[in-house]
Amino acid sequence: SYAAFLSGSMVNAMVMSHMRRRDGDSRFSIRAIVSSLFGEGIDSVIFF
């Protein structure tokens, strides 16, 4: 869980941050979904 959590959470945060810098205040819903998909994917691939 720790290995997956650190990797997934960091990826989620970095993707969210990158998209936030690009889009500003707009398209929050899209970046929330996309960042979670990346983060959850990395988390699951490492954890299970």
All heavy atoms as atom14 arrays in JSON, in Angstrom:
{
  "sequence": "SYAAFLSGSMVNAMVMSHMRRRDGDSRFSIRAIVSSLFGEGIDSVIFF",
  "atom14_mask": [
    [1, 1, 1, 1, 1, 1, 0, 0, 0, 0, 0, 0, 0, 0],
    [1, 1, 1, 1, 1, 1, 1, 1, 1, 1, 1, 1, 0, 0],
    [1, 1, 1, 1, 1, 0, 0, 0, 0, 0, 0, 0, 0, 0],
    [1, 1, 1, 1, 1, 0, 0, 0, 0, 0, 0, 0, 0, 0],
    [1, 1, 1, 1, 1, 1, 1, 1, 1, 1, 1, 0, 0, 0],
    [1, 1, 1, 1, 1, 1, 1, 1, 0, 0, 0, 0, 0, 0],
    [1, 1, 1, 1, 1, 1, 0, 0, 0, 0, 0, 0, 0, 0],
    [1, 1, 1, 1, 0, 0, 0, 0, 0, 0, 0, 0, 0, 0],
    [1, 1, 1, 1, 1, 1, 0, 0, 0, 0, 0, 0, 0, 0],
    [1, 1, 1, 1, 1, 1, 1, 1, 0, 0, 0, 0, 0, 0],
    [1, 1, 1, 1, 1, 1, 1, 0, 0, 0, 0, 0, 0, 0],
    [1, 1, 1, 1, 1, 1, 1, 1, 0, 0, 0, 0, 0, 0],
    [1, 1, 1, 1, 1, 0, 0, 0, 0, 0, 0, 0, 0, 0],
    [1, 1, 1, 1, 1, 1, 1, 1, 0, 0, 0, 0, 0, 0],
    [1, 1, 1, 1, 1, 1, 1, 0, 0, 0, 0, 0, 0, 0],
    [1, 1, 1, 1, 1, 1, 1, 1, 0, 0, 0, 0, 0, 0],
    [1, 1, 1, 1, 1, 1, 0, 0, 0, 0, 0, 0, 0, 0],
    [1, 1, 1, 1, 1, 1, 1, 1, 1, 1, 0, 0, 0, 0],
    [1, 1, 1, 1, 1, 1, 1, 1, 0, 0, 0, 0, 0, 0],
    [1, 1, 1, 1, 1, 1, 1, 1, 1, 1, 1, 0, 0, 0],
    [1, 1, 1, 1, 1, 1, 1, 1, 1, 1, 1, 0, 0, 0],
    [1, 1, 1, 1, 1, 1, 1, 1, 1, 1, 1, 0, 0, 0],
    [1, 1, 1, 1, 1, 1, 1, 1, 0, 0, 0, 0, 0, 0],
    [1, 1, 1, 1, 0, 0, 0, 0, 0, 0, 0, 0, 0, 0],
    [1, 1, 1, 1, 1, 1, 1, 1, 0, 0, 0, 0, 0, 0],
    [1, 1, 1, 1, 1, 1, 0, 0, 0, 0, 0, 0, 0, 0],
    [1, 1, 1, 1, 1, 1, 1, 1, 1, 1, 1, 0, 0, 0],
    [1, 1, 1, 1, 1, 1, 1, 1, 1, 1, 1, 0, 0, 0],
    [1, 1, 1, 1, 1, 1, 0, 0, 0, 0, 0, 0, 0, 0],
    [1, 1, 1, 1, 1, 1, 1, 1, 0, 0, 0, 0, 0, 0],
    [1, 1, 1, 1, 1, 1, 1, 1, 1, 1, 1, 0, 0, 0],
    [1, 1, 1, 1, 1, 0, 0, 0, 0, 0, 0, 0, 0, 0],
    [1, 1, 1, 1, 1, 1, 1, 1, 0, 0, 0, 0, 0, 0],
    [1, 1, 1, 1, 1, 1, 1, 0, 0, 0, 0, 0, 0, 0],
    [1, 1, 1, 1, 1, 1, 0, 0, 0, 0, 0, 0, 0, 0],
    [1, 1, 1, 1, 1, 1, 0, 0, 0, 0, 0, 0, 0, 0],
    [1, 1, 1, 1, 1, 1, 1, 1, 0, 0, 0, 0, 0, 0],
    [1, 1, 1, 1, 1, 1, 1, 1, 1, 1, 1, 0, 0, 0],
    [1, 1, 1, 1, 0, 0, 0, 0, 0, 0, 0, 0, 0, 0],
    [1, 1, 1, 1, 1, 1, 1, 1, 1, 0, 0, 0, 0, 0],
    [1, 1, 1, 1, 0, 0, 0, 0, 0, 0, 0, 0, 0, 0],
    [1, 1, 1, 1, 1, 1, 1, 1, 0, 0, 0, 0, 0, 0],
    [1, 1, 1, 1, 1, 1, 1, 1, 0, 0, 0, 0, 0, 0],
    [1, 1, 1, 1, 1, 1, 0, 0, 0, 0, 0, 0, 0, 0],
    [1, 1, 1, 1, 1, 1, 1, 0, 0, 0, 0, 0, 0, 0],
    [1, 1, 1, 1, 1, 1, 1, 1, 0, 0, 0, 0, 0, 0],
    [1, 1, 1, 1, 1, 1, 1, 1, 1, 1, 1, 0, 0, 0],
    [1, 1, 1, 1, 1, 1, 1, 1, 1, 1, 1, 0, 0, 0]
  ],
  "atom14_positions": [
    [[0.82, -1.2, 0.0], [0.0, 0.0, 0.0], [0.85, 1.26, 0.0], [0.56, 2.23, -0.71], [-0.92, 0.0, 1.22], [-1.73, 1.15, 1.24], [0.0, 0.0, 0.0], [0.0, 0.0, 0.0], [0.0, 0.0, 0.0], [0.0, 0.0, 0.0], [0.0, 0.0, 0.0], [0.0, 0.0, 0.0], [0.0, 0.0, 0.0], [0.0, 0.0, 0.0]],
    [[1.95, 1.26, 0.79], [2.81, 2.43, 0.85], [3.46, 2.71, -0.51], [3.5, 3.85, -0.97], [3.91, 2.24, 1.9], [3.41, 2.18, 3.32], [4.08, 1.48, 4.29], [2.23, 2.83, 3.67], [3.61, 1.42, 5.6], [1.76, 2.77, 4.97], [2.45, 2.06, 5.93], [1.98, 2.0, 7.2], [0.0, 0.0, 0.0], [0.0, 0.0, 0.0]],
    [[3.99, 1.63, -1.12], [4.64, 1.81, -2.42], [3.63, 2.31, -3.45], [3.91, 3.24, -4.22], [5.25, 0.48, -2.88], [0.0, 0.0, 0.0], [0.0, 0.0, 0.0], [0.0, 0.0, 0.0], [0.0, 0.0, 0.0], [0.0, 0.0, 0.0], [0.0, 0.0, 0.0], [0.0, 0.0, 0.0], [0.0, 0.0, 0.0], [0.0, 0.0, 0.0]],
    [[2.44, 1.71, -3.44], [1.4, 2.1, -4.4], [0.85, 3.48, -4.08], [0.63, 4.3, -4.99], [0.26, 1.07, -4.36], [0.0, 0.0, 0.0], [0.0, 0.0, 0.0], [0.0, 0.0, 0.0], [0.0, 0.0, 0.0], [0.0, 0.0, 0.0], [0.0, 0.0, 0.0], [0.0, 0.0, 0.0], [0.0, 0.0, 0.0], [0.0, 0.0, 0.0]],
    [[0.66, 3.74, -2.8], [0.1, 5.02, -2.37], [1.0, 6.19, -2.76], [0.56, 7.19, -3.33], [-0.13, 5.0, -0.87], [-0.26, 6.35, -0.24], [-1.42, 7.1, -0.41], [0.77, 6.9, 0.51], [-1.54, 8.35, 0.17], [0.66, 8.14, 1.08], [-0.51, 8.88, 0.91], [0.0, 0.0, 0.0], [0.0, 0.0, 0.0], [0.0, 0.0, 0.0]],
    [[2.3, 6.07, -2.44], [3.22, 7.15, -2.75], [3.3, 7.39, -4.26], [3.23, 8.52, -4.73], [4.62, 6.82, -2.21], [4.83, 7.03, -0.72], [6.23, 6.57, -0.31], [4.66, 8.5, -0.35], [0.0, 0.0, 0.0], [0.0, 0.0, 0.0], [0.0, 0.0, 0.0], [0.0, 0.0, 0.0], [0.0, 0.0, 0.0], [0.0, 0.0, 0.0]],
    [[3.41, 6.3, -5.02], [3.51, 6.43, -6.47], [2.22, 6.99, -7.06], [2.24, 7.95, -7.85], [3.82, 5.06, -7.1], [5.02, 4.53, -6.59], [0.0, 0.0, 0.0], [0.0, 0.0, 0.0], [0.0, 0.0, 0.0], [0.0, 0.0, 0.0], [0.0, 0.0, 0.0], [0.0, 0.0, 0.0], [0.0, 0.0, 0.0], [0.0, 0.0, 0.0]],
    [[1.08, 6.38, -6.69], [-0.2, 6.81, -7.24], [-0.56, 8.23, -6.86], [-1.02, 9.02, -7.7], [0.0, 0.0, 0.0], [0.0, 0.0, 0.0], [0.0, 0.0, 0.0], [0.0, 0.0, 0.0], [0.0, 0.0, 0.0], [0.0, 0.0, 0.0], [0.0, 0.0, 0.0], [0.0, 0.0, 0.0], [0.0, 0.0, 0.0], [0.0, 0.0, 0.0]],
    [[-0.37, 8.57, -5.58], [-0.72, 9.92, -5.12], [0.16, 10.98, -5.75], [-0.32, 12.06, -6.12], [-0.61, 10.0, -3.59], [-1.56, 9.17, -2.97], [0.0, 0.0, 0.0], [0.0, 0.0, 0.0], [0.0, 0.0, 0.0], [0.0, 0.0, 0.0], [0.0, 0.0, 0.0], [0.0, 0.0, 0.0], [0.0, 0.0, 0.0], [0.0, 0.0, 0.0]],
    [[1.46, 10.69, -5.87], [2.35, 11.65, -6.5], [2.02, 11.85, -7.97], [2.0, 12.97, -8.48], [3.81, 11.2, -6.35], [4.36, 11.3, -4.94], [4.44, 13.03, -4.35], [5.19, 12.78, -2.73], [0.0, 0.0, 0.0], [0.0, 0.0, 0.0], [0.0, 0.0, 0.0], [0.0, 0.0, 0.0], [0.0, 0.0, 0.0], [0.0, 0.0, 0.0]],
    [[1.73, 10.75, -8.67], [1.35, 10.85, -10.09], [0.05, 11.63, -10.22], [-0.08, 12.51, -11.08], [1.2, 9.44, -10.71], [0.51, 9.52, -12.07], [2.56, 8.78, -10.86], [0.0, 0.0, 0.0], [0.0, 0.0, 0.0], [0.0, 0.0, 0.0], [0.0, 0.0, 0.0], [0.0, 0.0, 0.0], [0.0, 0.0, 0.0], [0.0, 0.0, 0.0]],
    [[-0.92, 11.33, -9.36], [-2.19, 12.05, -9.38], [-1.98, 13.55, -9.18], [-2.52, 14.38, -9.93], [-3.1, 11.5, -8.28], [-4.44, 12.21, -8.22], [-5.37, 11.89, -8.95], [-4.56, 13.2, -7.36], [0.0, 0.0, 0.0], [0.0, 0.0, 0.0], [0.0, 0.0, 0.0], [0.0, 0.0, 0.0], [0.0, 0.0, 0.0], [0.0, 0.0, 0.0]],
    [[-1.16, 13.89, -8.19], [-0.91, 15.3, -7.89], [-0.16, 16.0, -9.02], [-0.47, 17.13, -9.38], [-0.13, 15.43, -6.58], [0.0, 0.0, 0.0], [0.0, 0.0, 0.0], [0.0, 0.0, 0.0], [0.0, 0.0, 0.0], [0.0, 0.0, 0.0], [0.0, 0.0, 0.0], [0.0, 0.0, 0.0], [0.0, 0.0, 0.0], [0.0, 0.0, 0.0]],
    [[0.83, 15.32, -9.6], [1.63, 15.94, -10.66], [0.83, 16.13, -11.93], [0.95, 17.16, -12.61], [2.89, 15.12, -10.91], [3.92, 15.24, -9.79], [5.52, 14.45, -10.14], [5.06, 12.72, -10.04], [0.0, 0.0, 0.0], [0.0, 0.0, 0.0], [0.0, 0.0, 0.0], [0.0, 0.0, 0.0], [0.0, 0.0, 0.0], [0.0, 0.0, 0.0]],
    [[0.0, 15.12, -12.28], [-0.85, 15.27, -13.46], [-1.85, 16.4, -13.26], [-2.07, 17.22, -14.14], [-1.59, 13.94, -13.77], [-2.65, 14.15, -14.86], [-0.61, 12.86, -14.2], [0.0, 0.0, 0.0], [0.0, 0.0, 0.0], [0.0, 0.0, 0.0], [0.0, 0.0, 0.0], [0.0, 0.0, 0.0], [0.0, 0.0, 0.0], [0.0, 0.0, 0.0]],
    [[-2.44, 16.44, -12.07], [-3.39, 17.5, -11.74], [-2.71, 18.87, -11.82], [-3.26, 19.82, -12.38], [-3.94, 17.26, -10.33], [-5.06, 18.19, -9.92], [-6.63, 17.73, -10.68], [-7.72, 18.94, -9.93], [0.0, 0.0, 0.0], [0.0, 0.0, 0.0], [0.0, 0.0, 0.0], [0.0, 0.0, 0.0], [0.0, 0.0, 0.0], [0.0, 0.0, 0.0]],
    [[-1.51, 18.97, -11.26], [-0.78, 20.23, -11.25], [-0.41, 20.66, -12.67], [-0.54, 21.83, -13.04], [0.48, 20.11, -10.4], [1.24, 21.29, -10.42], [0.0, 0.0, 0.0], [0.0, 0.0, 0.0], [0.0, 0.0, 0.0], [0.0, 0.0, 0.0], [0.0, 0.0, 0.0], [0.0, 0.0, 0.0], [0.0, 0.0, 0.0], [0.0, 0.0, 0.0]],
    [[0.06, 19.72, -13.48], [0.44, 20.03, -14.86], [-0.76, 20.55, -15.66], [-0.66, 21.56, -16.37], [1.0, 18.78, -15.53], [1.27, 18.95, -17.01], [2.34, 19.65, -17.49], [0.56, 18.52, -18.09], [2.3, 19.65, -18.82], [1.23, 18.97, -19.21], [0.0, 0.0, 0.0], [0.0, 0.0, 0.0], [0.0, 0.0, 0.0], [0.0, 0.0, 0.0]],
    [[-1.89, 19.86, -15.52], [-3.09, 20.27, -16.24], [-3.6, 21.6, -15.7], [-4.16, 22.42, -16.45], [-4.16, 19.19, -16.15], [-3.78, 17.88, -16.83], [-5.07, 16.62, -16.72], [-6.31, 17.3, -17.85], [0.0, 0.0, 0.0], [0.0, 0.0, 0.0], [0.0, 0.0, 0.0], [0.0, 0.0, 0.0], [0.0, 0.0, 0.0], [0.0, 0.0, 0.0]],
    [[-3.43, 21.85, -14.4], [-3.87, 23.1, -13.78], [-3.07, 24.29, -14.33], [-3.62, 25.34, -14.61], [-3.7, 22.99, -12.26], [-4.02, 24.28, -11.48], [-5.52, 24.53, -11.51], [-5.92, 25.52, -10.53], [-5.77, 26.84, -10.66], [-5.21, 27.33, -11.73], [-6.19, 27.64, -9.72], [0.0, 0.0, 0.0], [0.0, 0.0, 0.0], [0.0, 0.0, 0.0]],
    [[-1.76, 24.09, -14.48], [-0.93, 25.16, -15.05], [-1.32, 25.44, -16.5], [-1.27, 26.59, -16.95], [0.55, 24.78, -14.96], [1.14, 24.8, -13.57], [2.66, 24.79, -13.6], [3.17, 23.61, -14.31], [3.46, 22.47, -13.7], [3.26, 22.35, -12.39], [3.93, 21.45, -14.37], [0.0, 0.0, 0.0], [0.0, 0.0, 0.0], [0.0, 0.0, 0.0]],
    [[-1.68, 24.39, -17.2], [-2.05, 24.54, -18.62], [-3.41, 25.19, -18.8], [-3.6, 26.05, -19.66], [-2.03, 23.17, -19.3], [-2.28, 23.19, -20.8], [-2.53, 21.8, -21.32], [-3.78, 21.24, -20.8], [-4.17, 19.98, -20.98], [-3.39, 19.14, -21.64], [-5.32, 19.56, -20.48], [0.0, 0.0, 0.0], [0.0, 0.0, 0.0], [0.0, 0.0, 0.0]],
    [[-4.39, 24.77, -17.98], [-5.78, 25.17, -18.19], [-6.26, 26.31, -17.29], [-7.33, 26.87, -17.53], [-6.72, 23.97, -17.97], [-6.43, 22.83, -18.93], [-5.93, 23.11, -20.03], [-6.7, 21.67, -18.57], [0.0, 0.0, 0.0], [0.0, 0.0, 0.0], [0.0, 0.0, 0.0], [0.0, 0.0, 0.0], [0.0, 0.0, 0.0], [0.0, 0.0, 0.0]],
    [[-5.49, 26.63, -16.24], [-5.97, 27.64, -15.31], [-7.16, 27.11, -14.53], [-7.22, 25.94, -14.16], [0.0, 0.0, 0.0], [0.0, 0.0, 0.0], [0.0, 0.0, 0.0], [0.0, 0.0, 0.0], [0.0, 0.0, 0.0], [0.0, 0.0, 0.0], [0.0, 0.0, 0.0], [0.0, 0.0, 0.0], [0.0, 0.0, 0.0], [0.0, 0.0, 0.0]],
    [[-8.17, 27.97, -14.29], [-9.34, 27.57, -13.52], [-10.31, 26.69, -14.3], [-11.18, 26.04, -13.71], [-10.1, 28.81, -13.04], [-9.47, 29.4, -11.78], [-8.62, 28.72, -11.18], [-9.82, 30.53, -11.42], [0.0, 0.0, 0.0], [0.0, 0.0, 0.0], [0.0, 0.0, 0.0], [0.0, 0.0, 0.0], [0.0, 0.0, 0.0], [0.0, 0.0, 0.0]],
    [[-10.19, 26.67, -15.61], [-11.16, 25.94, -16.43], [-10.86, 24.44, -16.45], [-9.76, 24.0, -16.11], [-11.16, 26.48, -17.86], [-9.9, 26.25, -18.47], [0.0, 0.0, 0.0], [0.0, 0.0, 0.0], [0.0, 0.0, 0.0], [0.0, 0.0, 0.0], [0.0, 0.0, 0.0], [0.0, 0.0, 0.0], [0.0, 0.0, 0.0], [0.0, 0.0, 0.0]],
    [[-11.85, 23.67, -16.82], [-11.75, 22.22, -17.05], [-11.31, 21.45, -15.8], [-10.59, 20.46, -15.88], [-10.79, 21.94, -18.2], [-11.15, 22.66, -19.5], [-10.17, 22.33, -20.61], [-10.3, 20.94, -21.01], [-9.45, 20.34, -21.86], [-8.43, 21.01, -22.34], [-9.65, 19.08, -22.2], [0.0, 0.0, 0.0], [0.0, 0.0, 0.0], [0.0, 0.0, 0.0]],
    [[-11.79, 21.87, -14.64], [-11.45, 21.15, -13.41], [-11.94, 19.71, -13.45], [-11.23, 18.78, -13.05], [-12.05, 21.86, -12.19], [-11.95, 21.05, -10.93], [-10.74, 20.92, -10.28], [-13.07, 20.4, -10.42], [-10.64, 20.16, -9.11], [-12.97, 19.64, -9.26], [-11.75, 19.52, -8.6], [0.0, 0.0, 0.0], [0.0, 0.0, 0.0], [0.0, 0.0, 0.0]],
    [[-13.15, 19.5, -13.94], [-13.72, 18.15, -13.98], [-12.85, 17.2, -14.78], [-12.61, 16.06, -14.37], [-15.13, 18.19, -14.57], [-15.99, 18.98, -13.78], [0.0, 0.0, 0.0], [0.0, 0.0, 0.0], [0.0, 0.0, 0.0], [0.0, 0.0, 0.0], [0.0, 0.0, 0.0], [0.0, 0.0, 0.0], [0.0, 0.0, 0.0], [0.0, 0.0, 0.0]],
    [[-12.37, 17.68, -15.94], [-11.55, 16.82, -16.8], [-10.25, 16.44, -16.12], [-9.85, 15.28, -16.09], [-11.25, 17.53, -18.14], [-12.54, 17.79, -18.91], [-10.27, 16.69, -18.98], [-13.3, 16.54, -19.29], [0.0, 0.0, 0.0], [0.0, 0.0, 0.0], [0.0, 0.0, 0.0], [0.0, 0.0, 0.0], [0.0, 0.0, 0.0], [0.0, 0.0, 0.0]],
    [[-9.57, 17.43, -15.53], [-8.29, 17.1, -14.89], [-8.46, 16.27, -13.64], [-7.59, 15.46, -13.31], [-7.47, 18.36, -14.63], [-8.03, 19.4, -13.73], [-6.99, 20.53, -13.55], [-7.56, 21.67, -12.84], [-8.13, 22.69, -13.45], [-8.26, 22.69, -14.77], [-8.63, 23.7, -12.76], [0.0, 0.0, 0.0], [0.0, 0.0, 0.0], [0.0, 0.0, 0.0]],
    [[-9.58, 16.43, -12.94], [-9.83, 15.59, -11.76], [-9.98, 14.13, -12.17], [-9.45, 13.23, -11.52], [-11.08, 16.07, -11.03], [0.0, 0.0, 0.0], [0.0, 0.0, 0.0], [0.0, 0.0, 0.0], [0.0, 0.0, 0.0], [0.0, 0.0, 0.0], [0.0, 0.0, 0.0], [0.0, 0.0, 0.0], [0.0, 0.0, 0.0], [0.0, 0.0, 0.0]],
    [[-10.7, 13.9, -13.27], [-10.92, 12.53, -13.75], [-9.65, 11.94, -14.32], [-9.27, 10.81, -14.0], [-12.05, 12.51, -14.8], [-13.38, 12.91, -14.15], [-12.17, 11.13, -15.44], [-14.5, 13.16, -15.15], [0.0, 0.0, 0.0], [0.0, 0.0, 0.0], [0.0, 0.0, 0.0], [0.0, 0.0, 0.0], [0.0, 0.0, 0.0], [0.0, 0.0, 0.0]],
    [[-8.96, 12.71, -15.18], [-7.75, 12.21, -15.83], [-6.65, 11.92, -14.8], [-6.0, 10.87, -14.85], [-7.25, 13.22, -16.89], [-5.87, 12.8, -17.41], [-8.24, 13.32, -18.04], [0.0, 0.0, 0.0], [0.0, 0.0, 0.0], [0.0, 0.0, 0.0], [0.0, 0.0, 0.0], [0.0, 0.0, 0.0], [0.0, 0.0, 0.0], [0.0, 0.0, 0.0]],
    [[-6.45, 12.84, -13.87], [-5.4, 12.64, -12.86], [-5.7, 11.43, -11.99], [-4.8, 10.67, -11.64], [-5.25, 13.89, -11.99], [-6.43, 14.17, -11.26], [0.0, 0.0, 0.0], [0.0, 0.0, 0.0], [0.0, 0.0, 0.0], [0.0, 0.0, 0.0], [0.0, 0.0, 0.0], [0.0, 0.0, 0.0], [0.0, 0.0, 0.0], [0.0, 0.0, 0.0]],
    [[-6.97, 11.24, -11.66], [-7.35, 10.08, -10.84], [-7.16, 8.78, -11.61], [-6.74, 7.77, -11.05], [-8.81, 10.2, -10.39], [-8.95, 11.27, -9.48], [0.0, 0.0, 0.0], [0.0, 0.0, 0.0], [0.0, 0.0, 0.0], [0.0, 0.0, 0.0], [0.0, 0.0, 0.0], [0.0, 0.0, 0.0], [0.0, 0.0, 0.0], [0.0, 0.0, 0.0]],
    [[-7.48, 8.79, -12.9], [-7.3, 7.59, -13.72], [-5.82, 7.19, -13.76], [-5.49, 6.01, -13.59], [-7.81, 7.85, -15.14], [-7.79, 6.65, -16.1], [-8.64, 5.51, -15.55], [-8.27, 7.06, -17.48], [0.0, 0.0, 0.0], [0.0, 0.0, 0.0], [0.0, 0.0, 0.0], [0.0, 0.0, 0.0], [0.0, 0.0, 0.0], [0.0, 0.0, 0.0]],
    [[-4.94, 8.16, -13.94], [-3.51, 7.88, -13.92], [-3.06, 7.4, -12.53], [-2.35, 6.4, -12.4], [-2.72, 9.13, -14.31], [-2.53, 9.29, -15.79], [-3.4, 10.09, -16.52], [-1.5, 8.66, -16.45], [-3.25, 10.25, -17.89], [-1.33, 8.81, -17.82], [-2.21, 9.6, -18.55], [0.0, 0.0, 0.0], [0.0, 0.0, 0.0], [0.0, 0.0, 0.0]],
    [[-3.48, 8.14, -11.5], [-3.07, 7.8, -10.15], [-3.58, 6.45, -9.69], [-2.83, 5.64, -9.14], [0.0, 0.0, 0.0], [0.0, 0.0, 0.0], [0.0, 0.0, 0.0], [0.0, 0.0, 0.0], [0.0, 0.0, 0.0], [0.0, 0.0, 0.0], [0.0, 0.0, 0.0], [0.0, 0.0, 0.0], [0.0, 0.0, 0.0], [0.0, 0.0, 0.0]],
    [[-4.87, 6.21, -9.91], [-5.47, 4.93, -9.51], [-4.86, 3.78, -10.3], [-4.66, 2.67, -9.77], [-6.98, 4.95, -9.74], [-7.75, 6.0, -8.94], [-7.87, 5.64, -7.48], [-7.27, 4.65, -7.04], [-8.59, 6.36, -6.76], [0.0, 0.0, 0.0], [0.0, 0.0, 0.0], [0.0, 0.0, 0.0], [0.0, 0.0, 0.0], [0.0, 0.0, 0.0]],
    [[-4.56, 4.02, -11.59], [-3.96, 2.98, -12.41], [-2.59, 2.58, -11.89], [-2.29, 1.38, -11.73], [0.0, 0.0, 0.0], [0.0, 0.0, 0.0], [0.0, 0.0, 0.0], [0.0, 0.0, 0.0], [0.0, 0.0, 0.0], [0.0, 0.0, 0.0], [0.0, 0.0, 0.0], [0.0, 0.0, 0.0], [0.0, 0.0, 0.0], [0.0, 0.0, 0.0]],
    [[-1.73, 3.57, -11.61], [-0.4, 3.29, -11.07], [-0.51, 2.6, -9.72], [0.21, 1.64, -9.42], [0.4, 4.61, -10.93], [0.71, 5.2, -12.31], [1.69, 4.37, -10.15], [1.59, 4.35, -13.17], [0.0, 0.0, 0.0], [0.0, 0.0, 0.0], [0.0, 0.0, 0.0], [0.0, 0.0, 0.0], [0.0, 0.0, 0.0], [0.0, 0.0, 0.0]],
    [[-1.42, 3.1, -8.87], [-1.64, 2.52, -7.55], [-1.98, 1.04, -7.65], [-1.39, 0.19, -6.96], [-2.77, 3.28, -6.84], [-2.99, 2.8, -5.42], [-3.58, 1.72, -5.25], [-2.6, 3.51, -4.48], [0.0, 0.0, 0.0], [0.0, 0.0, 0.0], [0.0, 0.0, 0.0], [0.0, 0.0, 0.0], [0.0, 0.0, 0.0], [0.0, 0.0, 0.0]],
    [[-2.94, 0.69, -8.5], [-3.4, -0.69, -8.62], [-2.33, -1.6, -9.22], [-2.15, -2.74, -8.78], [-4.67, -0.75, -9.48], [-5.73, -0.06, -8.87], [0.0, 0.0, 0.0], [0.0, 0.0, 0.0], [0.0, 0.0, 0.0], [0.0, 0.0, 0.0], [0.0, 0.0, 0.0], [0.0, 0.0, 0.0], [0.0, 0.0, 0.0], [0.0, 0.0, 0.0]],
    [[-1.61, -1.11, -10.24], [-0.57, -1.91, -10.89], [0.54, -2.27, -9.91], [1.12, -3.36, -9.98], [0.01, -1.15, -12.11], [1.3, -1.78, -12.59], [-1.02, -1.13, -13.24], [0.0, 0.0, 0.0], [0.0, 0.0, 0.0], [0.0, 0.0, 0.0], [0.0, 0.0, 0.0], [0.0, 0.0, 0.0], [0.0, 0.0, 0.0], [0.0, 0.0, 0.0]],
    [[0.84, -1.38, -8.97], [1.88, -1.64, -7.98], [1.34, -2.46, -6.81], [1.98, -3.42, -6.35], [2.48, -0.31, -7.46], [3.23, 0.4, -8.6], [3.41, -0.56, -6.27], [3.75, 1.76, -8.23], [0.0, 0.0, 0.0], [0.0, 0.0, 0.0], [0.0, 0.0, 0.0], [0.0, 0.0, 0.0], [0.0, 0.0, 0.0], [0.0, 0.0, 0.0]],
    [[0.14, -2.11, -6.33], [-0.37, -2.71, -5.09], [-0.68, -4.2, -5.21], [-0.2, -5.01, -4.41], [-1.63, -1.97, -4.62], [-2.27, -2.61, -3.42], [-1.73, -2.45, -2.15], [-3.4, -3.39, -3.56], [-2.3, -3.04, -1.03], [-3.99, -4.0, -2.45], [-3.44, -3.82, -1.18], [0.0, 0.0, 0.0], [0.0, 0.0, 0.0], [0.0, 0.0, 0.0]],
    [[-1.49, -4.58, -6.16], [-2.02, -5.94, -6.18], [-0.98, -7.03, -6.42], [-1.03, -8.07, -5.75], [-3.17, -6.04, -7.18], [-4.4, -5.31, -6.72], [-4.79, -4.13, -7.31], [-5.16, -5.8, -5.67], [-5.9, -3.44, -6.86], [-6.28, -5.13, -5.22], [-6.65, -3.95, -5.82], [0.0, 0.0, 0.0], [0.0, 0.0, 0.0], [0.0, 0.0, 0.0]]
  ]
}
